[in-house]
Amino acid sequence: MTDNINNPSHYQGANDLEAIDVVHNFVGNLFGASAFFWGNAIKYMLRFQKKNGLEGLKKARKNLDWLIEEMEKDLKSPIHKD
């Protein structure tokens, strides 16, 4: 029986690696909305072949667009000005 709450099959990769493992290992110093958008983009890209196909890629792209907006906003903040 598949555990769709704790271990859904669409998040399982090779060698028992799960999407959450990738997110935890690569999020780096992102936090707040930036970390959220980045994690969602990664999640959708990792699972698109097992769940929702093209729709998943479009969701990943939307989250990447939001992440880019956050990064551009951060670059314009007074803390980043010379």
N, C-alpha and C. Protein backbone atom coordinates (compact mmCIF):
# COMPACT_ATOMS: atom_id res chain seq x y z
N MET A 1 0.84 -1.18 0.00
CA MET A 1 0.00 0.00 0.00
C MET A 1 0.88 1.25 0.00
N THR A 2 0.57 2.20 -0.85
CA THR A 2 1.33 3.44 -0.96
C THR A 2 0.90 4.42 0.14
N ASP A 3 1.86 5.08 0.75
CA ASP A 3 1.59 6.09 1.77
C ASP A 3 1.62 7.46 1.09
N ASN A 4 0.46 7.95 0.67
CA ASN A 4 0.38 9.21 -0.06
C ASN A 4 0.58 10.44 0.81
N ILE A 5 0.65 10.26 2.11
CA ILE A 5 0.90 11.38 3.01
C ILE A 5 2.40 11.54 3.29
N ASN A 6 3.05 10.47 3.69
CA ASN A 6 4.45 10.54 4.11
C ASN A 6 5.45 10.22 3.01
N ASN A 7 5.10 9.39 2.07
CA ASN A 7 6.02 8.98 1.01
C ASN A 7 5.31 8.80 -0.33
N PRO A 8 4.73 9.87 -0.88
CA PRO A 8 4.04 9.70 -2.16
C PRO A 8 5.03 9.31 -3.26
N SER A 9 4.61 8.42 -4.13
CA SER A 9 5.52 7.88 -5.16
C SER A 9 6.02 8.95 -6.12
N HIS A 10 5.25 10.02 -6.35
CA HIS A 10 5.69 11.05 -7.29
C HIS A 10 6.82 11.92 -6.73
N TYR A 11 7.18 11.74 -5.47
CA TYR A 11 8.34 12.43 -4.89
C TYR A 11 9.54 11.52 -4.73
N GLN A 12 9.41 10.25 -5.09
CA GLN A 12 10.49 9.28 -4.94
C GLN A 12 11.36 9.26 -6.19
N GLY A 13 12.65 9.34 -5.99
CA GLY A 13 13.60 9.25 -7.09
C GLY A 13 14.43 7.99 -6.96
N ALA A 14 15.47 7.92 -7.74
CA ALA A 14 16.38 6.78 -7.67
C ALA A 14 17.10 6.76 -6.33
N ASN A 15 17.50 5.58 -5.90
CA ASN A 15 18.27 5.40 -4.66
C ASN A 15 17.55 5.95 -3.43
N ASP A 16 16.23 5.90 -3.43
CA ASP A 16 15.40 6.37 -2.31
C ASP A 16 15.55 7.86 -2.01
N LEU A 17 16.07 8.63 -2.94
CA LEU A 17 16.18 10.07 -2.76
C LEU A 17 14.81 10.70 -3.00
N GLU A 18 14.41 11.59 -2.11
CA GLU A 18 13.13 12.27 -2.24
C GLU A 18 13.34 13.75 -2.53
N ALA A 19 12.33 14.37 -3.10
CA ALA A 19 12.40 15.80 -3.43
C ALA A 19 12.77 16.63 -2.20
N ILE A 20 12.23 16.29 -1.05
CA ILE A 20 12.51 17.04 0.17
C ILE A 20 14.00 16.99 0.53
N ASP A 21 14.65 15.88 0.22
CA ASP A 21 16.09 15.75 0.48
C ASP A 21 16.88 16.73 -0.39
N VAL A 22 16.49 16.85 -1.64
CA VAL A 22 17.16 17.79 -2.55
C VAL A 22 16.97 19.22 -2.05
N VAL A 23 15.75 19.56 -1.71
CA VAL A 23 15.46 20.92 -1.23
C VAL A 23 16.28 21.24 0.02
N HIS A 24 16.29 20.33 0.99
CA HIS A 24 17.06 20.57 2.21
C HIS A 24 18.56 20.72 1.94
N ASN A 25 19.08 19.96 1.00
CA ASN A 25 20.52 19.98 0.74
C ASN A 25 20.99 21.14 -0.12
N PHE A 26 20.09 21.76 -0.88
CA PHE A 26 20.53 22.78 -1.82
C PHE A 26 19.92 24.16 -1.61
N VAL A 27 19.08 24.35 -0.61
CA VAL A 27 18.42 25.64 -0.42
C VAL A 27 19.43 26.75 -0.10
N GLY A 28 20.58 26.39 0.45
CA GLY A 28 21.63 27.38 0.71
C GLY A 28 21.18 28.45 1.69
N ASN A 29 21.47 29.70 1.36
CA ASN A 29 21.16 30.79 2.28
C ASN A 29 19.86 31.51 1.94
N LEU A 30 19.02 30.90 1.11
CA LEU A 30 17.72 31.50 0.82
C LEU A 30 16.82 31.37 2.04
N PHE A 31 15.93 32.34 2.21
CA PHE A 31 14.97 32.27 3.31
C PHE A 31 13.69 32.97 2.88
N GLY A 32 12.65 32.80 3.65
CA GLY A 32 11.38 33.46 3.37
C GLY A 32 10.80 33.08 2.02
N ALA A 33 10.22 34.07 1.35
CA ALA A 33 9.56 33.84 0.07
C ALA A 33 10.51 33.27 -0.96
N SER A 34 11.76 33.72 -0.97
CA SER A 34 12.72 33.21 -1.95
C SER A 34 12.94 31.71 -1.79
N ALA A 35 13.09 31.26 -0.56
CA ALA A 35 13.27 29.82 -0.31
C ALA A 35 12.02 29.05 -0.71
N PHE A 36 10.86 29.62 -0.43
CA PHE A 36 9.60 28.98 -0.78
C PHE A 36 9.47 28.81 -2.29
N PHE A 37 9.69 29.89 -3.05
CA PHE A 37 9.57 29.81 -4.51
C PHE A 37 10.60 28.86 -5.10
N TRP A 38 11.83 28.92 -4.59
CA TRP A 38 12.88 28.03 -5.09
C TRP A 38 12.52 26.57 -4.82
N GLY A 39 12.09 26.27 -3.60
CA GLY A 39 11.72 24.90 -3.25
C GLY A 39 10.57 24.38 -4.08
N ASN A 40 9.57 25.23 -4.31
CA ASN A 40 8.45 24.81 -5.14
C ASN A 40 8.89 24.53 -6.57
N ALA A 41 9.73 25.38 -7.13
CA ALA A 41 10.21 25.17 -8.50
C ALA A 41 10.94 23.83 -8.61
N ILE A 42 11.81 23.56 -7.65
CA ILE A 42 12.55 22.29 -7.65
C ILE A 42 11.59 21.12 -7.53
N LYS A 43 10.64 21.21 -6.61
CA LYS A 43 9.65 20.15 -6.39
C LYS A 43 8.91 19.83 -7.69
N TYR A 44 8.40 20.86 -8.35
CA TYR A 44 7.64 20.63 -9.58
C TYR A 44 8.51 20.03 -10.68
N MET A 45 9.76 20.47 -10.78
CA MET A 45 10.64 19.91 -11.81
C MET A 45 10.99 18.46 -11.53
N LEU A 46 11.19 18.14 -10.26
CA LEU A 46 11.56 16.76 -9.92
C LEU A 46 10.42 15.78 -10.14
N ARG A 47 9.19 16.21 -9.98
CA ARG A 47 8.07 15.27 -10.06
C ARG A 47 7.28 15.32 -11.35
N PHE A 48 7.58 16.24 -12.27
CA PHE A 48 6.72 16.44 -13.43
C PHE A 48 6.53 15.18 -14.28
N GLN A 49 7.52 14.31 -14.33
CA GLN A 49 7.39 13.10 -15.15
C GLN A 49 6.46 12.07 -14.51
N LYS A 50 6.24 12.18 -13.21
CA LYS A 50 5.37 11.23 -12.51
C LYS A 50 4.01 11.83 -12.17
N LYS A 51 3.90 13.15 -12.18
CA LYS A 51 2.64 13.80 -11.80
C LYS A 51 2.45 15.10 -12.58
N ASN A 52 1.43 15.16 -13.36
CA ASN A 52 0.94 16.36 -14.05
C ASN A 52 1.77 16.86 -15.22
N GLY A 53 2.86 16.22 -15.57
CA GLY A 53 3.61 16.54 -16.78
C GLY A 53 3.83 18.02 -17.03
N LEU A 54 3.37 18.49 -18.18
CA LEU A 54 3.58 19.87 -18.61
C LEU A 54 3.06 20.88 -17.59
N GLU A 55 1.94 20.58 -16.96
CA GLU A 55 1.40 21.49 -15.94
C GLU A 55 2.41 21.70 -14.82
N GLY A 56 3.09 20.65 -14.41
CA GLY A 56 4.11 20.77 -13.38
C GLY A 56 5.26 21.68 -13.81
N LEU A 57 5.67 21.55 -15.07
CA LEU A 57 6.74 22.42 -15.58
C LEU A 57 6.30 23.88 -15.62
N LYS A 58 5.05 24.11 -15.96
CA LYS A 58 4.54 25.48 -15.98
C LYS A 58 4.48 26.06 -14.56
N LYS A 59 4.13 25.22 -13.60
CA LYS A 59 4.14 25.67 -12.20
C LYS A 59 5.56 25.97 -11.75
N ALA A 60 6.51 25.15 -12.17
CA ALA A 60 7.92 25.40 -11.84
C ALA A 60 8.36 26.73 -12.42
N ARG A 61 8.00 26.97 -13.69
CA ARG A 61 8.38 28.23 -14.34
C ARG A 61 7.78 29.43 -13.61
N LYS A 62 6.52 29.32 -13.18
CA LYS A 62 5.87 30.42 -12.46
C LYS A 62 6.61 30.71 -11.15
N ASN A 63 6.98 29.65 -10.44
CA ASN A 63 7.72 29.84 -9.19
C ASN A 63 9.10 30.43 -9.45
N LEU A 64 9.74 30.05 -10.56
CA LEU A 64 11.02 30.65 -10.92
C LEU A 64 10.86 32.13 -11.24
N ASP A 65 9.77 32.49 -11.94
CA ASP A 65 9.50 33.90 -12.22
C ASP A 65 9.36 34.69 -10.91
N TRP A 66 8.62 34.11 -9.95
CA TRP A 66 8.46 34.79 -8.66
C TRP A 66 9.79 34.90 -7.92
N LEU A 67 10.61 33.86 -8.01
CA LEU A 67 11.92 33.88 -7.37
C LEU A 67 12.80 34.97 -8.00
N ILE A 68 12.77 35.06 -9.31
CA ILE A 68 13.55 36.09 -10.00
C ILE A 68 13.09 37.48 -9.57
N GLU A 69 11.79 37.69 -9.45
CA GLU A 69 11.28 38.97 -8.97
C GLU A 69 11.80 39.29 -7.57
N GLU A 70 11.81 38.29 -6.70
CA GLU A 70 12.34 38.48 -5.34
C GLU A 70 13.82 38.85 -5.38
N MET A 71 14.59 38.15 -6.20
CA MET A 71 16.03 38.41 -6.29
C MET A 71 16.29 39.81 -6.85
N GLU A 72 15.51 40.21 -7.85
CA GLU A 72 15.68 41.55 -8.42
C GLU A 72 15.30 42.62 -7.40
N LYS A 73 14.25 42.36 -6.63
CA LYS A 73 13.84 43.30 -5.58
C LYS A 73 14.94 43.44 -4.54
N ASP A 74 15.54 42.32 -4.17
CA ASP A 74 16.63 42.34 -3.19
C ASP A 74 17.83 43.14 -3.71
N LEU A 75 18.13 43.00 -5.00
CA LEU A 75 19.27 43.73 -5.57
C LEU A 75 19.03 45.23 -5.59
N LYS A 76 17.77 45.65 -5.65
CA LYS A 76 17.44 47.07 -5.67
C LYS A 76 17.32 47.68 -4.28
N SER A 77 17.34 46.85 -3.25
CA SER A 77 17.18 47.37 -1.89
C SER A 77 18.41 48.17 -1.49
N PRO A 78 18.24 49.14 -0.59
CA PRO A 78 19.36 49.99 -0.16
C PRO A 78 20.55 49.21 0.38
N ILE A 79 20.32 48.05 0.93
CA ILE A 79 21.40 47.25 1.51
C ILE A 79 22.39 46.77 0.44
N HIS A 80 21.93 46.67 -0.82
CA HIS A 80 22.78 46.19 -1.91
C HIS A 80 23.38 47.32 -2.75
N LYS A 81 23.05 48.56 -2.43
CA LYS A 81 23.58 49.68 -3.22
C LYS A 81 24.98 50.05 -2.75
N ASP A 82 25.81 50.47 -3.70
CA ASP A 82 27.19 50.88 -3.38
C ASP A 82 27.23 52.29 -2.83
